[in-house]
Amino acid sequence: MNLKLILLLLPLVFMSACVPKVTLEKQIQKLDINESIENNNTISDDVLLKVEWWRDYGDAQLDEIIDFTRHSSPTIQSIQAKYAQANSIIASTQARNVPSLFAGGGISSERFSENHIFPPPLGGSTQTLYQTGLSLNYDFDFWNARASRILSAKYSAMAQKATIDEMKLFLSTAICEIYLSWHFDEERIEILHELKELLTQERYISLANLRNGLSDARALNSNSSEMAKVDQAIEAMKRSIEGKKESIAILGGFMPSLVQKWTAPSIQNFKAPLPKEILLNLIAHRSDITVQKYIVLSKEQNIENAKAQFYPNISLSGVLGFISFDLDKFLGRSSFVPSTGVAFSLPLFDGGERKANLSERSSDYNSSVHDYNGVVIKAANEVVATLNQSRILDSELLLHEEEMHAQHLNVEIAQKRFVAGVTNKVPYLQAKRELTQTHLNSITLHDAKAILEIRLIKALGGGYEDNNVTH
């Protein structure tokens, strides 16, 4: 029997259609960006960034916001549900890899025609038919058609799982950016109140000069104008803070009643440490690259599945059942009707459907490879660009410190001249105002620096405690 099957299968293999050749794109294997960052002064190999890096800001409220967002926000729960759905698809696909067994039965009543194939007494009579049985079906998988579907589903699920990590990093960094910006807005408000206090002191002097006839109302009017600008800036900062709190609430999935309980941020000094060398294998643990990697692998298995359709296959079937018109003899030996069968499927001609299917899967794979390469290039550019911007901003901060130092000296000179009675207090207050305004500008620079650090964390894929992460 086995020899007969082999002899029967041999011509089927030779007669099966040849798989057309397809052209597949290649993934980027290595992208060297060392030259772009080797002179960056911020790089340090002393401390590695923690996975939960935001805790180093030392703000318990921020920790609570991000912890809730990463585990309980509607966005994360939605993706987790999709991941569970992907796992169900895997289980469903794997179920097809084992023989299927079905049980069934039925009772039917039928009158048989007197002018048909059945002679009397069956012809012309009405009979009740009783039947039950078990059916077994199994398709062999010689060419890994089912195996490729299972792997494709698994890779899709792994991509979905990586999407969860990608979204967690996105939400964490986005919330941190907004939260730090809120923190700097609060600092701006404090500086603006200091500026308002200086203007108030100048106002008293202008009023005194006006009463004593030493000046006209122009100085007082200018002071009122400056005061109004400061008050307007304070209100603008308050409005900005409310907008930032709303954005955090939307990203994290918080109800307004919880947002109202939030207090002003309490951020400690934090500088994101960087590894000594930033290579592609470090960038490659970014979740968005991992997502694309598994998508490519899934599409690759779809190609294997499409190729398997060009080869013949064998299906086995069997039935164990009972059929009888007589209920008393229904389960007896005489009613037993076993059957077995072997079916061969041989793809010969289908009008190019299989070839078109393979071409479609190949194009889909090539598209996913281009997407993967695009994400890798994007990641490399984000790291390099952020480091370059950070280096330029460091230079700005140094120049700004020089500016503030010079203004500090001017304040000291003006104070000494006032104490010595050479001038009144106005030049001193104006020098202080100029220094305060520069301090306000420095907050903007430090705000930008903090945002760049968070964006670098995001560009590197989050915490990188593991130096041996590979791709």
Protein backbone atom coordinates (compact mmCIF):
# COMPACT_ATOMS: atom_id res chain seq x y z
CA MET A 1 0.00 0.00 0.00
CA ASN A 2 2.80 2.42 0.88
CA LEU A 3 4.54 1.67 -2.42
CA LYS A 4 1.35 2.40 -4.32
CA LEU A 5 1.00 5.71 -2.54
CA ILE A 6 4.60 6.63 -3.34
CA LEU A 7 4.12 5.72 -6.99
CA LEU A 8 0.96 7.80 -7.03
CA LEU A 9 2.63 10.79 -5.40
CA LEU A 10 5.70 10.89 -7.61
CA PRO A 11 3.91 12.05 -10.78
CA LEU A 12 1.96 14.56 -8.70
CA VAL A 13 5.20 16.15 -7.52
CA PHE A 14 6.61 16.31 -11.03
CA MET A 15 3.36 17.66 -12.42
CA SER A 16 3.04 20.38 -9.78
CA ALA A 17 3.59 23.95 -10.87
CA CYS A 18 7.00 25.58 -10.46
CA VAL A 19 7.21 28.45 -8.00
CA PRO A 20 7.95 31.73 -9.83
CA LYS A 21 11.06 33.65 -8.79
CA VAL A 22 10.42 36.79 -6.79
CA THR A 23 12.70 39.72 -5.94
CA LEU A 24 12.85 40.58 -2.24
CA GLU A 25 14.28 43.77 -0.74
CA LYS A 26 17.03 43.68 1.91
CA GLN A 27 16.87 45.14 5.39
CA ILE A 28 19.43 47.62 6.68
CA GLN A 29 21.92 45.59 8.68
CA LYS A 30 24.24 48.28 10.03
CA LEU A 31 24.21 52.05 10.16
CA ASP A 32 27.32 53.67 11.61
CA ILE A 33 26.57 56.98 13.32
CA ASN A 34 29.64 57.17 15.57
CA GLU A 35 31.25 60.00 13.62
CA SER A 36 28.22 62.19 14.20
CA ILE A 37 28.34 61.86 17.96
CA GLU A 38 31.90 60.99 18.97
CA ASN A 39 32.73 64.58 19.92
CA ASN A 40 29.57 65.13 21.95
CA ASN A 41 30.54 66.31 25.42
CA THR A 42 27.41 64.97 27.10
CA ILE A 43 28.34 61.33 26.63
CA SER A 44 29.25 59.41 29.76
CA ASP A 45 29.67 55.74 30.51
CA ASP A 46 29.54 56.13 34.29
CA VAL A 47 25.79 55.73 34.87
CA LEU A 48 23.20 54.00 32.74
CA LEU A 49 19.72 55.36 32.32
CA LYS A 50 17.15 53.45 34.34
CA VAL A 51 14.21 51.80 32.64
CA GLU A 52 11.90 53.93 34.80
CA TRP A 53 14.03 56.99 34.12
CA TRP A 54 11.30 59.53 34.98
CA ARG A 55 11.61 58.65 38.70
CA ASP A 56 14.95 60.48 38.79
CA TYR A 57 13.04 63.75 38.48
CA GLY A 58 12.10 63.19 42.12
CA ASP A 59 8.44 64.17 41.69
CA ALA A 60 6.00 61.73 43.29
CA GLN A 61 3.05 63.23 41.43
CA LEU A 62 4.78 62.67 38.08
CA ASP A 63 5.52 59.06 39.09
CA GLU A 64 1.85 58.45 39.87
CA ILE A 65 0.71 60.01 36.60
CA ILE A 66 3.07 57.93 34.46
CA ASP A 67 2.49 54.71 36.40
CA PHE A 68 -1.25 55.03 35.88
CA THR A 69 -0.85 55.95 32.24
CA ARG A 70 1.45 53.01 31.43
CA HIS A 71 -0.86 50.45 33.01
CA SER A 72 -4.43 51.73 33.12
CA SER A 73 -4.92 54.40 30.46
CA PRO A 74 -7.57 53.63 27.80
CA THR A 75 -4.89 53.80 25.08
CA ILE A 76 -2.78 51.06 26.68
CA GLN A 77 -5.79 48.92 27.55
CA SER A 78 -6.99 49.15 23.95
CA ILE A 79 -3.64 47.91 22.59
CA GLN A 80 -3.50 45.16 25.21
CA ALA A 81 -6.94 44.00 24.06
CA LYS A 82 -5.64 43.87 20.48
CA TYR A 83 -2.67 41.83 21.69
CA ALA A 84 -5.06 39.39 23.38
CA GLN A 85 -6.98 39.21 20.11
CA ALA A 86 -3.74 38.44 18.27
CA ASN A 87 -3.04 35.58 20.68
CA SER A 88 -6.52 34.21 20.00
CA ILE A 89 -5.73 34.22 16.29
CA ILE A 90 -2.58 32.21 17.01
CA ALA A 91 -4.58 29.64 18.99
CA SER A 92 -7.12 29.41 16.17
CA THR A 93 -4.38 28.93 13.58
CA GLN A 94 -2.59 26.31 15.67
CA ALA A 95 -5.85 24.40 16.07
CA ARG A 96 -5.79 23.69 12.35
CA ASN A 97 -2.52 21.84 12.78
CA VAL A 98 -4.21 18.84 14.44
CA PRO A 99 -6.84 16.49 13.03
CA SER A 100 -10.41 17.78 13.32
CA LEU A 101 -13.02 15.52 14.89
CA PHE A 102 -16.73 16.20 14.64
CA ALA A 103 -19.76 14.38 16.05
CA GLY A 104 -23.24 14.68 14.67
CA GLY A 105 -26.57 13.03 14.29
CA GLY A 106 -30.02 13.56 12.94
CA ILE A 107 -33.53 12.24 12.43
CA SER A 108 -35.42 12.86 9.21
CA SER A 109 -38.72 11.66 7.80
CA GLU A 110 -39.17 11.25 4.03
CA ARG A 111 -41.67 9.74 1.60
CA PHE A 112 -39.88 7.87 -1.17
CA SER A 113 -41.19 8.21 -4.72
CA GLU A 114 -42.88 5.18 -6.32
CA ASN A 115 -41.32 6.18 -9.67
CA HIS A 116 -37.70 6.55 -8.53
CA ILE A 117 -34.81 4.16 -7.98
CA PHE A 118 -36.30 2.58 -4.88
CA PRO A 119 -38.65 -0.39 -5.52
CA PRO A 120 -41.60 -1.27 -3.25
CA PRO A 121 -42.03 -1.60 -0.37
CA LEU A 122 -39.56 1.31 0.12
CA GLY A 123 -40.88 3.17 -2.90
CA GLY A 124 -44.18 4.79 -2.04
CA SER A 125 -43.61 4.51 1.72
CA THR A 126 -42.75 7.11 4.32
CA GLN A 127 -39.70 6.27 6.40
CA THR A 128 -37.89 7.81 9.33
CA LEU A 129 -34.10 7.80 8.97
CA TYR A 130 -31.86 7.74 12.04
CA GLN A 131 -28.17 8.57 11.69
CA THR A 132 -25.19 9.49 13.87
CA GLY A 133 -21.43 9.37 13.58
CA LEU A 134 -17.96 10.77 14.05
CA SER A 135 -16.00 12.36 11.22
CA LEU A 136 -12.24 12.80 11.18
CA ASN A 137 -10.36 15.09 8.74
CA TYR A 138 -6.71 15.90 8.41
CA ASP A 139 -4.71 17.77 5.78
CA PHE A 140 -1.00 17.04 5.61
CA ASP A 141 1.39 19.97 5.66
CA PHE A 142 4.28 18.77 3.53
CA TRP A 143 5.18 22.26 2.33
CA ASN A 144 4.71 24.15 5.64
CA ALA A 145 1.56 25.97 4.54
CA ARG A 146 0.02 25.76 8.03
CA ALA A 147 3.36 26.21 9.79
CA SER A 148 3.97 29.46 7.90
CA ARG A 149 0.49 30.72 8.82
CA ILE A 150 1.16 29.94 12.47
CA LEU A 151 4.52 31.74 12.40
CA SER A 152 2.97 34.70 10.60
CA ALA A 153 0.31 34.96 13.30
CA LYS A 154 2.93 34.66 16.06
CA TYR A 155 5.08 37.42 14.58
CA SER A 156 2.01 39.61 14.20
CA ALA A 157 1.22 39.06 17.88
CA MET A 158 4.81 39.89 18.84
CA ALA A 159 4.56 43.08 16.79
CA GLN A 160 1.36 43.93 18.67
CA LYS A 161 3.12 43.32 21.99
CA ALA A 162 5.99 45.59 20.92
CA THR A 163 3.39 48.22 20.03
CA ILE A 164 2.39 48.25 23.70
CA ASP A 165 5.98 49.12 24.69
CA GLU A 166 6.16 51.70 21.90
CA MET A 167 2.99 53.39 23.12
CA LYS A 168 4.15 53.29 26.75
CA LEU A 169 7.36 55.09 25.79
CA PHE A 170 5.45 57.59 23.68
CA LEU A 171 3.04 58.38 26.52
CA SER A 172 5.81 58.54 29.14
CA THR A 173 7.98 60.93 27.14
CA ALA A 174 5.04 63.04 25.94
CA ILE A 175 3.70 63.45 29.48
CA CYS A 176 7.19 64.24 30.80
CA GLU A 177 7.71 66.91 28.15
CA ILE A 178 4.41 68.57 29.05
CA TYR A 179 4.93 68.13 32.80
CA LEU A 180 8.40 69.71 32.69
CA SER A 181 7.05 72.53 30.57
CA TRP A 182 4.41 73.03 33.29
CA HIS A 183 7.23 73.11 35.85
CA PHE A 184 9.07 75.82 33.91
CA ASP A 185 5.85 77.80 33.50
CA GLU A 186 5.54 77.85 37.28
CA GLU A 187 9.13 79.12 37.49
CA ARG A 188 8.32 81.79 34.92
CA ILE A 189 5.40 82.95 37.03
CA GLU A 190 7.71 83.29 40.05
CA ILE A 191 10.18 85.37 38.03
CA LEU A 192 7.36 87.50 36.64
CA HIS A 193 6.20 88.24 40.19
CA GLU A 194 9.76 89.30 41.04
CA LEU A 195 9.72 91.54 37.97
CA LYS A 196 6.38 92.95 39.06
CA GLU A 197 7.80 93.72 42.51
CA LEU A 198 10.68 95.66 40.94
CA LEU A 199 8.22 97.60 38.78
CA THR A 200 6.14 98.35 41.88
CA GLN A 201 9.19 99.87 43.59
CA GLU A 202 9.88 101.96 40.47
CA ARG A 203 6.24 103.06 40.51
CA TYR A 204 6.57 104.43 44.05
CA ILE A 205 9.61 106.44 42.96
CA SER A 206 7.80 107.74 39.84
CA LEU A 207 4.80 108.80 41.96
CA ALA A 208 7.08 110.58 44.42
CA ASN A 209 8.90 112.36 41.59
CA LEU A 210 5.58 113.37 40.05
CA ARG A 211 4.29 114.78 43.36
CA ASN A 212 7.54 116.67 43.89
CA GLY A 213 7.50 118.04 40.37
CA LEU A 214 10.72 116.28 39.45
CA SER A 215 9.16 114.47 36.45
CA ASP A 216 6.00 114.39 34.38
CA ALA A 217 3.54 111.49 33.99
CA ARG A 218 5.43 109.76 31.17
CA ALA A 219 7.56 107.65 33.50
CA LEU A 220 4.46 106.65 35.46
CA ASN A 221 2.60 105.75 32.28
CA SER A 222 5.53 103.67 31.03
CA ASN A 223 5.59 101.89 34.35
CA SER A 224 1.86 101.16 34.14
CA SER A 225 2.36 99.77 30.65
CA GLU A 226 5.17 97.48 31.82
CA MET A 227 3.07 96.34 34.79
CA ALA A 228 0.18 95.48 32.47
CA LYS A 229 2.52 93.47 30.24
CA VAL A 230 3.80 91.49 33.22
CA ASP A 231 0.27 90.83 34.48
CA GLN A 232 -0.71 89.73 30.99
CA ALA A 233 2.28 87.39 30.84
CA ILE A 234 1.32 85.88 34.21
CA GLU A 235 -2.23 85.22 33.03
CA ALA A 236 -0.87 83.73 29.79
CA MET A 237 1.30 81.36 31.85
CA LYS A 238 -1.70 80.32 33.94
CA ARG A 239 -3.68 79.65 30.78
CA SER A 240 -0.75 77.68 29.38
CA ILE A 241 -0.59 75.58 32.56
CA GLU A 242 -4.29 74.72 32.33
CA GLY A 243 -3.77 73.64 28.72
CA LYS A 244 -0.83 71.45 29.70
CA LYS A 245 -2.81 69.82 32.52
CA GLU A 246 -5.59 69.11 30.03
CA SER A 247 -3.11 67.54 27.60
CA ILE A 248 -1.66 65.30 30.33
CA ALA A 249 -5.17 64.27 31.37
CA ILE A 250 -6.10 63.32 27.81
CA LEU A 251 -2.88 61.37 27.22
CA GLY A 252 -3.10 59.56 30.56
CA GLY A 253 -6.85 59.01 30.65
CA PHE A 254 -7.59 61.09 33.76
CA MET A 255 -10.98 62.54 34.63
CA PRO A 256 -11.18 66.32 35.31
CA SER A 257 -11.98 65.70 38.98
CA LEU A 258 -8.52 64.14 39.42
CA VAL A 259 -6.77 66.87 37.45
CA GLN A 260 -8.14 69.50 39.84
CA LYS A 261 -6.25 67.83 42.69
CA TRP A 262 -2.87 68.11 40.96
CA THR A 263 -0.40 70.51 42.53
CA ALA A 264 2.50 72.40 40.97
CA PRO A 265 5.40 70.13 39.89
CA SER A 266 8.37 69.63 42.17
CA ILE A 267 11.13 68.67 39.75
CA GLN A 268 14.68 67.98 40.94
CA ASN A 269 17.75 68.48 38.80
CA PHE A 270 18.08 65.59 36.38
CA LYS A 271 20.42 64.99 33.47
CA ALA A 272 19.93 61.94 31.27
CA PRO A 273 23.19 59.95 31.24
CA LEU A 274 24.28 58.48 27.93
CA PRO A 275 26.39 55.43 27.10
CA LYS A 276 29.91 56.00 25.84
CA GLU A 277 29.03 54.82 22.33
CA ILE A 278 25.65 55.08 20.68
CA LEU A 279 25.47 52.37 18.01
CA LEU A 280 22.69 51.00 15.89
CA ASN A 281 22.34 47.96 18.15
CA LEU A 282 21.47 50.40 20.95
CA ILE A 283 18.99 52.27 18.79
CA ALA A 284 17.53 48.99 17.57
CA HIS A 285 15.92 48.18 20.89
CA ARG A 286 13.48 50.96 20.11
CA SER A 287 10.01 49.48 20.18
CA ASP A 288 9.00 50.99 16.84
CA ILE A 289 11.92 49.17 15.17
CA THR A 290 10.94 45.96 16.95
CA VAL A 291 7.39 46.36 15.68
CA GLN A 292 8.61 46.70 12.11
CA LYS A 293 11.02 43.78 12.52
CA TYR A 294 8.19 41.42 13.48
CA ILE A 295 5.98 42.77 10.72
CA VAL A 296 8.72 41.93 8.21
CA LEU A 297 9.04 38.41 9.66
CA SER A 298 5.27 37.96 9.49
CA LYS A 299 5.18 39.06 5.85
CA GLU A 300 8.06 36.70 5.09
CA GLN A 301 6.00 33.77 6.34
CA ASN A 302 3.11 34.90 4.15
CA ILE A 303 5.44 34.46 1.17
CA GLU A 304 6.26 30.92 2.32
CA ASN A 305 2.56 30.20 2.58
CA ALA A 306 1.99 31.52 -0.93
CA LYS A 307 4.79 29.30 -2.26
CA ALA A 308 3.24 26.23 -0.63
CA GLN A 309 0.12 26.71 -2.74
CA PHE A 310 2.13 25.67 -5.81
CA TYR A 311 2.68 22.12 -4.48
CA PRO A 312 0.27 19.14 -4.21
CA ASN A 313 -1.17 18.00 -0.92
CA ILE A 314 -2.96 15.02 0.63
CA SER A 315 -6.06 15.01 2.80
CA LEU A 316 -7.37 12.12 4.90
CA SER A 317 -10.96 11.68 5.95
CA GLY A 318 -12.87 9.06 7.88
CA VAL A 319 -16.37 8.49 9.19
CA LEU A 320 -17.62 6.10 11.87
CA GLY A 321 -21.39 6.12 12.04
CA PHE A 322 -24.74 4.35 12.10
CA ILE A 323 -27.63 4.73 9.67
CA SER A 324 -30.95 2.90 9.99
CA PHE A 325 -34.67 3.16 9.22
CA ASP A 326 -35.35 0.92 12.20
CA LEU A 327 -34.84 2.61 15.56
CA ASP A 328 -34.46 -0.76 17.30
CA LYS A 329 -31.55 -1.70 15.05
CA PHE A 330 -30.09 1.81 14.89
CA LEU A 331 -26.95 1.07 16.93
CA GLY A 332 -26.57 -2.50 15.80
CA ARG A 333 -23.74 -3.97 13.75
CA SER A 334 -25.91 -4.12 10.67
CA SER A 335 -26.33 -0.31 10.75
CA PHE A 336 -22.60 0.41 11.12
CA VAL A 337 -21.26 2.40 8.12
CA PRO A 338 -17.52 3.12 8.44
CA SER A 339 -15.71 4.88 5.59
CA THR A 340 -12.23 6.21 4.88
CA GLY A 341 -10.82 8.31 2.09
CA VAL A 342 -7.65 9.83 0.73
CA ALA A 343 -7.81 12.96 -1.42
CA PHE A 344 -5.07 14.47 -3.52
CA SER A 345 -4.98 18.12 -4.54
CA LEU A 346 -2.84 19.00 -7.53
CA PRO A 347 -2.43 22.64 -8.55
CA LEU A 348 -2.13 22.70 -12.34
CA PHE A 349 -3.92 25.69 -13.81
CA ASP A 350 -5.79 28.48 -12.04
CA GLY A 351 -5.52 31.36 -14.46
CA GLY A 352 -2.49 32.84 -12.64
CA GLU A 353 -4.24 33.19 -9.28
CA ARG A 354 -1.41 31.59 -7.27
CA LYS A 355 1.23 33.58 -9.14
CA ALA A 356 -0.67 36.79 -8.49
CA ASN A 357 -1.05 35.84 -4.81
CA LEU A 358 2.71 35.24 -4.50
CA SER A 359 3.44 38.53 -6.26
CA GLU A 360 1.08 40.34 -3.89
CA ARG A 361 2.69 38.77 -0.81
CA SER A 362 6.16 39.63 -2.14
CA SER A 363 5.19 43.25 -2.75
CA ASP A 364 3.69 43.39 0.73
CA TYR A 365 6.95 42.03 2.15
CA ASN A 366 9.06 44.53 0.19
CA SER A 367 6.85 47.35 1.45
CA SER A 368 7.35 46.24 5.04
CA VAL A 369 11.14 46.08 4.50
CA HIS A 370 11.12 49.66 3.22
CA ASP A 371 9.06 50.64 6.29
CA TYR A 372 11.62 48.91 8.52
CA ASN A 373 14.55 50.65 6.83
CA GLY A 374 12.73 53.96 7.09
CA VAL A 375 12.22 53.54 10.84
CA VAL A 376 15.90 52.63 11.35
CA ILE A 377 17.03 55.68 9.38
CA LYS A 378 14.55 57.85 11.29
CA ALA A 379 15.89 56.51 14.61
CA ALA A 380 19.50 57.19 13.68
CA ASN A 381 18.70 60.71 12.52
CA GLU A 382 16.69 61.45 15.65
CA VAL A 383 19.61 60.46 17.87
CA VAL A 384 22.19 62.42 15.90
CA ALA A 385 19.97 65.50 15.43
CA THR A 386 19.00 65.59 19.12
CA LEU A 387 22.63 65.28 20.22
CA ASN A 388 23.66 68.03 17.81
CA GLN A 389 20.86 70.31 19.01
CA SER A 390 21.79 69.57 22.61
CA ARG A 391 25.41 70.48 21.96
CA ILE A 392 24.39 73.77 20.30
CA LEU A 393 22.04 74.53 23.18
CA ASP A 394 24.88 73.90 25.64
CA SER A 395 26.85 76.61 23.82
CA GLU A 396 23.84 78.93 24.08
CA LEU A 397 23.63 78.29 27.80
CA LEU A 398 27.32 79.12 28.26
CA LEU A 399 26.88 82.40 26.39
CA HIS A 400 23.77 83.10 28.42
CA GLU A 401 25.71 82.56 31.65
CA GLU A 402 28.28 85.08 30.45
CA GLU A 403 25.47 87.55 29.76
CA MET A 404 23.98 87.01 33.23
CA HIS A 405 27.41 87.38 34.86
CA ALA A 406 27.91 90.75 33.15
CA GLN A 407 24.44 91.87 34.25
CA HIS A 408 25.19 90.75 37.82
CA LEU A 409 28.22 93.03 37.75
CA ASN A 410 26.05 95.89 36.48
CA VAL A 411 23.60 95.31 39.34
CA GLU A 412 26.47 95.42 41.86
CA ILE A 413 27.80 98.64 40.33
CA ALA A 414 24.34 100.27 40.32
CA GLN A 415 23.80 99.19 43.93
CA LYS A 416 27.13 100.67 45.03
CA ARG A 417 26.34 103.96 43.25
CA PHE A 418 22.93 104.06 44.93
CA VAL A 419 24.35 103.32 48.39
CA ALA A 420 27.03 105.96 47.86
CA GLY A 421 24.33 108.47 46.95
CA VAL A 422 25.67 109.05 43.44
CA THR A 423 22.30 108.07 41.90
CA ASN A 424 18.82 107.35 43.10
CA LYS A 425 17.44 103.83 43.26
CA VAL A 426 15.96 103.79 39.73
CA PRO A 427 19.17 102.75 37.88
CA TYR A 428 19.64 99.94 40.40
CA LEU A 429 16.05 98.74 39.94
CA GLN A 430 16.38 98.95 36.16
CA ALA A 431 19.58 96.87 36.29
CA LYS A 432 17.77 94.34 38.46
CA ARG A 433 14.87 94.28 35.99
CA GLU A 434 17.24 93.64 33.11
CA LEU A 435 18.84 90.78 35.06
CA THR A 436 15.43 89.36 35.96
CA GLN A 437 14.34 89.48 32.33
CA THR A 438 17.50 87.61 31.36
CA HIS A 439 16.76 85.07 34.09
CA LEU A 440 13.34 84.65 32.49
CA ASN A 441 15.04 83.93 29.17
CA SER A 442 17.31 81.38 30.84
CA ILE A 443 14.23 79.42 31.95
CA THR A 444 13.28 79.09 28.28
CA LEU A 445 16.73 77.69 27.49
CA HIS A 446 16.62 75.21 30.38
CA ASP A 447 13.10 74.22 29.31
CA ALA A 448 14.42 73.48 25.81
CA LYS A 449 17.36 71.53 27.27
CA ALA A 450 15.07 69.35 29.38
CA ILE A 451 12.85 68.66 26.37
CA LEU A 452 15.88 67.65 24.30
CA GLU A 453 16.96 65.21 27.02
CA ILE A 454 13.53 63.59 27.01
CA ARG A 455 13.55 63.42 23.23
CA LEU A 456 16.96 61.76 23.32
CA ILE A 457 15.60 59.21 25.78
CA LYS A 458 12.77 58.57 23.35
CA ALA A 459 15.15 58.41 20.38
CA LEU A 460 17.19 55.74 22.16
CA GLY A 461 14.10 53.71 22.97
CA GLY A 462 13.77 54.51 26.67
CA GLY A 463 15.90 53.12 29.48
CA TYR A 464 19.04 51.34 28.37
CA GLU A 465 20.35 49.57 31.43
CA ASP A 466 21.26 46.52 29.34
CA ASN A 467 24.44 47.13 27.35
CA ASN A 468 24.04 43.81 25.55
CA VAL A 469 20.77 44.58 23.80
CA THR A 470 21.07 43.36 20.21
CA HIS A 471 18.90 43.42 17.18
